């Protein structure tokens, strides 16, 4: 009985520590990626095509790195929404349609915010 209780306590502690680590990574990754998106958005507002193409390539590379880690513990459907919106923004940027590209970036930002809220540890998410 004593041995089972210790194992159960260790498992609960591991679950909470794992959740803390993944939540911290999610928060940091999403906030840094949002900064990247805001820089891209500002470049699109300035209508600088060359710089916008370069920044969106960097954003895509950064998202690929983030997605590779987050795919271990977040639904792939949620991550694909970000990738789809980012691809839409890229194609609109390359075609020179900056207004719709900014809209796609805003959609990407809202999906990232939803992901962050959905996987935050809270009583609302437990029940």
N, C-alpha and C. Protein backbone atom coordinates (compact mmCIF):
# COMPACT_ATOMS: atom_id res chain seq x y z
N UNK A 1 0.83 -1.19 0.00
CA UNK A 1 0.00 0.00 0.00
C UNK A 1 0.87 1.26 0.00
N UNK A 2 1.92 1.23 0.79
CA UNK A 2 2.81 2.39 0.91
C UNK A 2 3.54 2.64 -0.41
N UNK A 3 3.95 1.57 -1.06
CA UNK A 3 4.69 1.67 -2.30
C UNK A 3 3.80 2.26 -3.42
N UNK A 4 2.54 1.84 -3.49
CA UNK A 4 1.62 2.35 -4.50
C UNK A 4 1.33 3.84 -4.29
N UNK A 5 1.27 4.26 -3.03
CA UNK A 5 1.01 5.67 -2.71
C UNK A 5 2.18 6.54 -3.18
N UNK A 6 3.39 6.09 -2.96
CA UNK A 6 4.58 6.85 -3.39
C UNK A 6 4.63 6.94 -4.92
N UNK A 7 4.35 5.84 -5.59
CA UNK A 7 4.34 5.85 -7.05
C UNK A 7 3.27 6.80 -7.58
N UNK A 8 2.10 6.79 -6.97
CA UNK A 8 1.02 7.69 -7.39
C UNK A 8 1.40 9.15 -7.18
N UNK A 9 2.01 9.46 -6.07
CA UNK A 9 2.43 10.85 -5.79
C UNK A 9 3.50 11.28 -6.79
N UNK A 10 4.44 10.41 -7.07
CA UNK A 10 5.49 10.72 -8.05
C UNK A 10 4.88 10.97 -9.43
N UNK A 11 3.91 10.15 -9.84
CA UNK A 11 3.26 10.34 -11.13
C UNK A 11 2.51 11.67 -11.20
N UNK A 12 1.82 12.03 -10.15
CA UNK A 12 1.09 13.31 -10.13
C UNK A 12 2.08 14.47 -10.21
N UNK A 13 3.17 14.38 -9.49
CA UNK A 13 4.20 15.43 -9.54
C UNK A 13 4.79 15.53 -10.94
N UNK A 14 5.07 14.40 -11.57
CA UNK A 14 5.61 14.40 -12.94
C UNK A 14 4.62 15.03 -13.93
N UNK A 15 3.34 14.77 -13.74
CA UNK A 15 2.33 15.36 -14.62
C UNK A 15 2.33 16.88 -14.48
N UNK A 16 2.36 17.37 -13.24
CA UNK A 16 2.35 18.82 -13.03
C UNK A 16 3.64 19.48 -13.53
N UNK A 17 4.77 18.84 -13.33
CA UNK A 17 6.04 19.39 -13.81
C UNK A 17 6.05 19.40 -15.35
N UNK A 18 5.59 18.31 -15.96
CA UNK A 18 5.52 18.26 -17.42
C UNK A 18 4.60 19.33 -17.98
N UNK A 19 3.46 19.54 -17.32
CA UNK A 19 2.54 20.58 -17.76
C UNK A 19 3.17 21.96 -17.61
N UNK A 20 3.89 22.18 -16.53
CA UNK A 20 4.55 23.47 -16.32
C UNK A 20 5.59 23.74 -17.41
N UNK A 21 6.37 22.74 -17.73
CA UNK A 21 7.43 22.89 -18.75
C UNK A 21 6.81 23.16 -20.12
N UNK A 22 5.80 22.38 -20.50
CA UNK A 22 5.19 22.58 -21.81
C UNK A 22 4.47 23.92 -21.89
N UNK A 23 3.83 24.34 -20.80
CA UNK A 23 3.14 25.63 -20.81
C UNK A 23 4.14 26.78 -20.93
N UNK A 24 5.25 26.67 -20.24
CA UNK A 24 6.29 27.70 -20.32
C UNK A 24 6.85 27.79 -21.74
N UNK A 25 7.10 26.64 -22.36
CA UNK A 25 7.60 26.64 -23.73
C UNK A 25 6.57 27.24 -24.68
N UNK A 26 5.31 26.88 -24.50
CA UNK A 26 4.24 27.41 -25.35
C UNK A 26 4.14 28.92 -25.22
N UNK A 27 4.15 29.42 -23.99
CA UNK A 27 4.07 30.87 -23.76
C UNK A 27 5.24 31.60 -24.42
N UNK A 28 6.44 31.12 -24.19
CA UNK A 28 7.62 31.77 -24.75
C UNK A 28 7.63 31.71 -26.27
N UNK A 29 7.30 30.56 -26.82
CA UNK A 29 7.32 30.40 -28.27
C UNK A 29 6.27 31.27 -28.95
N UNK A 30 5.08 31.26 -28.41
CA UNK A 30 4.00 32.04 -29.01
C UNK A 30 4.28 33.53 -28.89
N UNK A 31 4.80 33.97 -27.75
CA UNK A 31 5.07 35.41 -27.61
C UNK A 31 6.20 35.85 -28.55
N UNK A 32 7.24 35.04 -28.71
CA UNK A 32 8.32 35.42 -29.63
C UNK A 32 7.85 35.37 -31.08
N UNK A 33 7.00 34.41 -31.41
CA UNK A 33 6.47 34.32 -32.77
C UNK A 33 5.51 35.47 -33.05
N UNK A 34 4.74 35.88 -32.04
CA UNK A 34 3.86 37.04 -32.21
C UNK A 34 4.66 38.31 -32.48
N UNK A 35 5.80 38.45 -31.84
CA UNK A 35 6.67 39.60 -32.11
C UNK A 35 7.14 39.57 -33.57
N UNK A 36 7.48 38.40 -34.03
CA UNK A 36 7.90 38.23 -35.43
C UNK A 36 6.76 38.61 -36.38
N UNK A 37 5.55 38.18 -36.03
CA UNK A 37 4.40 38.53 -36.87
C UNK A 37 4.11 40.02 -36.85
N UNK A 38 4.30 40.66 -35.70
CA UNK A 38 4.07 42.11 -35.63
C UNK A 38 5.09 42.87 -36.48
N UNK A 39 6.34 42.41 -36.47
CA UNK A 39 7.35 43.03 -37.33
C UNK A 39 6.97 42.87 -38.81
N UNK A 40 6.50 41.68 -39.15
CA UNK A 40 6.06 41.43 -40.52
C UNK A 40 4.88 42.32 -40.88
N UNK A 41 3.96 42.45 -39.96
CA UNK A 41 2.78 43.29 -40.18
C UNK A 41 3.18 44.75 -40.41
N UNK A 42 4.12 45.24 -39.61
CA UNK A 42 4.60 46.61 -39.77
C UNK A 42 5.28 46.80 -41.13
N UNK A 43 6.01 45.79 -41.55
CA UNK A 43 6.66 45.86 -42.87
C UNK A 43 5.62 45.88 -43.98
N UNK A 44 4.55 45.11 -43.80
CA UNK A 44 3.48 45.12 -44.81
C UNK A 44 2.76 46.45 -44.84
N UNK A 45 2.60 47.07 -43.69
CA UNK A 45 1.95 48.39 -43.64
C UNK A 45 2.80 49.41 -44.38
N UNK A 46 4.14 49.26 -44.26
CA UNK A 46 5.06 50.14 -44.98
C UNK A 46 5.12 49.83 -46.48
N UNK A 47 4.53 48.69 -46.86
CA UNK A 47 4.49 48.24 -48.26
C UNK A 47 5.88 47.99 -48.85
N UNK A 48 6.75 47.40 -48.04
CA UNK A 48 8.09 47.06 -48.48
C UNK A 48 8.09 45.58 -48.88
N UNK A 49 7.89 45.32 -50.15
CA UNK A 49 7.73 43.96 -50.67
C UNK A 49 8.95 43.08 -50.40
N UNK A 50 10.12 43.58 -50.69
CA UNK A 50 11.34 42.78 -50.56
C UNK A 50 11.59 42.37 -49.11
N UNK A 51 11.48 43.33 -48.20
CA UNK A 51 11.70 43.05 -46.78
C UNK A 51 10.59 42.13 -46.24
N UNK A 52 9.36 42.32 -46.72
CA UNK A 52 8.25 41.48 -46.27
C UNK A 52 8.45 40.03 -46.70
N UNK A 53 8.93 39.82 -47.92
CA UNK A 53 9.19 38.46 -48.37
C UNK A 53 10.26 37.79 -47.52
N UNK A 54 11.29 38.54 -47.18
CA UNK A 54 12.36 38.01 -46.34
C UNK A 54 11.85 37.68 -44.93
N UNK A 55 11.06 38.59 -44.38
CA UNK A 55 10.54 38.36 -43.02
C UNK A 55 9.57 37.20 -42.95
N UNK A 56 8.76 37.03 -43.99
CA UNK A 56 7.81 35.92 -43.96
C UNK A 56 8.54 34.59 -44.11
N UNK A 57 9.64 34.56 -44.84
CA UNK A 57 10.46 33.34 -44.93
C UNK A 57 11.05 33.01 -43.55
N UNK A 58 11.54 34.03 -42.86
CA UNK A 58 12.08 33.82 -41.51
C UNK A 58 10.99 33.35 -40.56
N UNK A 59 9.81 33.94 -40.68
CA UNK A 59 8.69 33.53 -39.82
C UNK A 59 8.31 32.08 -40.08
N UNK A 60 8.30 31.68 -41.34
CA UNK A 60 7.99 30.28 -41.66
C UNK A 60 9.02 29.32 -41.08
N UNK A 61 10.28 29.67 -41.16
CA UNK A 61 11.33 28.82 -40.58
C UNK A 61 11.17 28.73 -39.07
N UNK A 62 10.90 29.86 -38.45
CA UNK A 62 10.73 29.88 -36.99
C UNK A 62 9.51 29.05 -36.60
N UNK A 63 8.42 29.16 -37.36
CA UNK A 63 7.22 28.40 -37.05
C UNK A 63 7.47 26.90 -37.20
N UNK A 64 8.25 26.51 -38.20
CA UNK A 64 8.57 25.09 -38.39
C UNK A 64 9.31 24.54 -37.17
N UNK A 65 10.26 25.31 -36.65
CA UNK A 65 10.99 24.89 -35.45
C UNK A 65 10.05 24.78 -34.25
N UNK A 66 9.18 25.76 -34.08
CA UNK A 66 8.24 25.74 -32.96
C UNK A 66 7.27 24.58 -33.12
N UNK A 67 6.77 24.39 -34.32
CA UNK A 67 5.78 23.35 -34.58
C UNK A 67 6.35 21.96 -34.32
N UNK A 68 7.62 21.75 -34.65
CA UNK A 68 8.23 20.45 -34.43
C UNK A 68 8.21 20.05 -32.95
N UNK A 69 8.37 21.01 -32.07
CA UNK A 69 8.34 20.71 -30.64
C UNK A 69 6.90 20.65 -30.13
N UNK A 70 6.09 21.60 -30.52
CA UNK A 70 4.73 21.67 -30.00
C UNK A 70 3.85 20.52 -30.49
N UNK A 71 4.22 19.90 -31.58
CA UNK A 71 3.40 18.81 -32.12
C UNK A 71 3.41 17.58 -31.20
N UNK A 72 4.33 17.54 -30.25
CA UNK A 72 4.34 16.43 -29.29
C UNK A 72 3.18 16.51 -28.30
N UNK A 73 2.69 17.71 -28.02
CA UNK A 73 1.68 17.83 -26.96
C UNK A 73 0.48 18.71 -27.32
N UNK A 74 0.42 19.21 -28.54
CA UNK A 74 -0.73 20.00 -28.98
C UNK A 74 -1.31 19.34 -30.21
N UNK A 75 -2.65 19.42 -30.33
CA UNK A 75 -3.33 18.81 -31.45
C UNK A 75 -2.78 19.35 -32.78
N UNK A 76 -2.59 18.46 -33.70
CA UNK A 76 -2.03 18.84 -35.00
C UNK A 76 -2.97 19.76 -35.77
N UNK A 77 -4.27 19.58 -35.54
CA UNK A 77 -5.26 20.42 -36.22
C UNK A 77 -5.05 21.90 -35.87
N UNK A 78 -4.77 22.18 -34.61
CA UNK A 78 -4.54 23.56 -34.17
C UNK A 78 -3.29 24.13 -34.81
N UNK A 79 -2.26 23.34 -34.88
CA UNK A 79 -1.01 23.80 -35.47
C UNK A 79 -1.12 23.99 -36.98
N UNK A 80 -1.93 23.15 -37.61
CA UNK A 80 -2.12 23.28 -39.06
C UNK A 80 -2.87 24.56 -39.42
N UNK A 81 -3.75 25.03 -38.52
CA UNK A 81 -4.46 26.28 -38.77
C UNK A 81 -3.46 27.44 -38.86
N UNK A 82 -2.47 27.43 -37.98
CA UNK A 82 -1.45 28.48 -38.01
C UNK A 82 -0.66 28.38 -39.30
N UNK A 83 -0.28 27.17 -39.67
CA UNK A 83 0.51 26.97 -40.88
C UNK A 83 -0.28 27.39 -42.13
N UNK A 84 -1.56 27.10 -42.15
CA UNK A 84 -2.41 27.47 -43.29
C UNK A 84 -2.51 28.98 -43.42
N UNK A 85 -2.75 29.66 -42.29
CA UNK A 85 -2.85 31.12 -42.32
C UNK A 85 -1.52 31.76 -42.70
N UNK A 86 -0.44 31.17 -42.24
CA UNK A 86 0.88 31.70 -42.58
C UNK A 86 1.18 31.51 -44.08
N UNK A 87 0.79 30.37 -44.63
CA UNK A 87 0.97 30.13 -46.07
C UNK A 87 0.11 31.10 -46.88
N UNK A 88 -1.09 31.38 -46.38
CA UNK A 88 -1.96 32.35 -47.05
C UNK A 88 -1.31 33.74 -47.06
N UNK A 89 -0.77 34.13 -45.90
CA UNK A 89 -0.10 35.43 -45.80
C UNK A 89 1.10 35.50 -46.74
N UNK A 90 1.82 34.39 -46.85
CA UNK A 90 2.99 34.36 -47.73
C UNK A 90 2.59 34.55 -49.18
N UNK A 91 1.57 33.83 -49.62
CA UNK A 91 1.16 33.95 -51.02
C UNK A 91 0.59 35.33 -51.32
N UNK A 92 -0.14 35.90 -50.36
CA UNK A 92 -0.69 37.24 -50.57
C UNK A 92 0.41 38.30 -50.58
N UNK A 93 1.43 38.08 -49.76
CA UNK A 93 2.56 39.01 -49.74
C UNK A 93 3.31 38.97 -51.06
N UNK A 94 3.54 37.77 -51.57
CA UNK A 94 4.27 37.64 -52.83
C UNK A 94 3.49 38.22 -54.00
N UNK A 95 2.15 38.18 -53.90
CA UNK A 95 1.34 38.75 -54.98
C UNK A 95 1.15 40.25 -54.81
N UNK A 96 1.58 40.80 -53.69
CA UNK A 96 1.49 42.24 -53.47
C UNK A 96 0.18 42.70 -52.87
N UNK A 97 -0.64 41.78 -52.40
CA UNK A 97 -1.93 42.14 -51.80
C UNK A 97 -1.74 42.28 -50.29
N UNK A 98 -1.22 43.43 -49.88
CA UNK A 98 -0.79 43.63 -48.50
C UNK A 98 -1.95 43.69 -47.51
N UNK A 99 -3.09 44.20 -47.92
CA UNK A 99 -4.23 44.33 -47.01
C UNK A 99 -4.72 42.95 -46.58
N UNK A 100 -4.87 42.05 -47.54
CA UNK A 100 -5.31 40.70 -47.21
C UNK A 100 -4.22 39.91 -46.50
N UNK A 101 -2.97 40.20 -46.78
CA UNK A 101 -1.86 39.55 -46.08
C UNK A 101 -1.88 39.94 -44.60
N UNK A 102 -2.17 41.21 -44.33
CA UNK A 102 -2.27 41.66 -42.93
C UNK A 102 -3.44 40.96 -42.25
N UNK A 103 -4.53 40.77 -42.97
CA UNK A 103 -5.68 40.05 -42.42
C UNK A 103 -5.32 38.60 -42.09
N UNK A 104 -4.56 37.96 -42.95
CA UNK A 104 -4.12 36.58 -42.70
C UNK A 104 -3.20 36.52 -41.48
N UNK A 105 -2.36 37.52 -41.32
CA UNK A 105 -1.48 37.56 -40.15
C UNK A 105 -2.30 37.76 -38.88
N UNK A 106 -3.34 38.59 -38.95
CA UNK A 106 -4.21 38.77 -37.80
C UNK A 106 -4.94 37.47 -37.43
N UNK A 107 -5.34 36.70 -38.45
CA UNK A 107 -5.97 35.40 -38.19
C UNK A 107 -4.97 34.45 -37.53
N UNK A 108 -3.74 34.48 -38.00
CA UNK A 108 -2.69 33.65 -37.40
C UNK A 108 -2.49 34.01 -35.94
N UNK A 109 -2.47 35.30 -35.67
CA UNK A 109 -2.30 35.78 -34.30
C UNK A 109 -3.45 35.32 -33.41
N UNK A 110 -4.67 35.37 -33.91
CA UNK A 110 -5.80 34.95 -33.09
C UNK A 110 -5.80 33.44 -32.85
N UNK A 111 -5.37 32.66 -33.84
CA UNK A 111 -5.27 31.21 -33.64
C UNK A 111 -4.20 30.89 -32.59
N UNK A 112 -3.09 31.60 -32.65
CA UNK A 112 -2.04 31.38 -31.64
C UNK A 112 -2.53 31.74 -30.24
N UNK A 113 -3.29 32.82 -30.15
CA UNK A 113 -3.85 33.22 -28.86
C UNK A 113 -4.82 32.16 -28.34
N UNK A 114 -5.60 31.59 -29.25
CA UNK A 114 -6.53 30.52 -28.88
C UNK A 114 -5.78 29.28 -28.39
N UNK A 115 -4.71 28.93 -29.06
CA UNK A 115 -3.90 27.78 -28.64
C UNK A 115 -3.36 28.00 -27.25
N UNK A 116 -2.83 29.19 -27.02
CA UNK A 116 -2.26 29.50 -25.71
C UNK A 116 -3.32 29.43 -24.61
N UNK A 117 -4.50 29.96 -24.87
CA UNK A 117 -5.57 29.92 -23.87
C UNK A 117 -6.09 28.50 -23.65
N UNK A 118 -6.18 27.74 -24.72
CA UNK A 118 -6.74 26.39 -24.65
C UNK A 118 -5.87 25.46 -23.80
N UNK A 119 -4.58 25.62 -23.88
CA UNK A 119 -3.68 24.70 -23.20
C UNK A 119 -3.11 25.26 -21.90
N UNK A 120 -3.65 26.38 -21.44
CA UNK A 120 -3.23 26.93 -20.15
C UNK A 120 -3.89 26.14 -19.04
N UNK A 121 -3.12 25.84 -18.01
CA UNK A 121 -3.64 25.09 -16.88
C UNK A 121 -4.53 26.00 -16.06
N UNK A 122 -5.83 25.67 -16.01
CA UNK A 122 -6.77 26.43 -15.19
C UNK A 122 -7.92 25.51 -14.82
N UNK A 123 -8.68 25.91 -13.84
CA UNK A 123 -9.83 25.10 -13.42
C UNK A 123 -10.87 25.02 -14.53
N UNK A 124 -11.01 26.08 -15.28
CA UNK A 124 -11.97 26.10 -16.39
C UNK A 124 -11.62 25.03 -17.43
N UNK A 125 -10.34 24.83 -17.69
CA UNK A 125 -9.93 23.83 -18.67
C UNK A 125 -9.98 22.42 -18.12
N UNK A 126 -9.99 22.28 -16.80
CA UNK A 126 -10.06 20.95 -16.20
C UNK A 126 -11.50 20.42 -16.24
N UNK A 127 -12.42 21.30 -15.88
CA UNK A 127 -13.83 20.87 -15.81
C UNK A 127 -14.56 21.24 -17.02
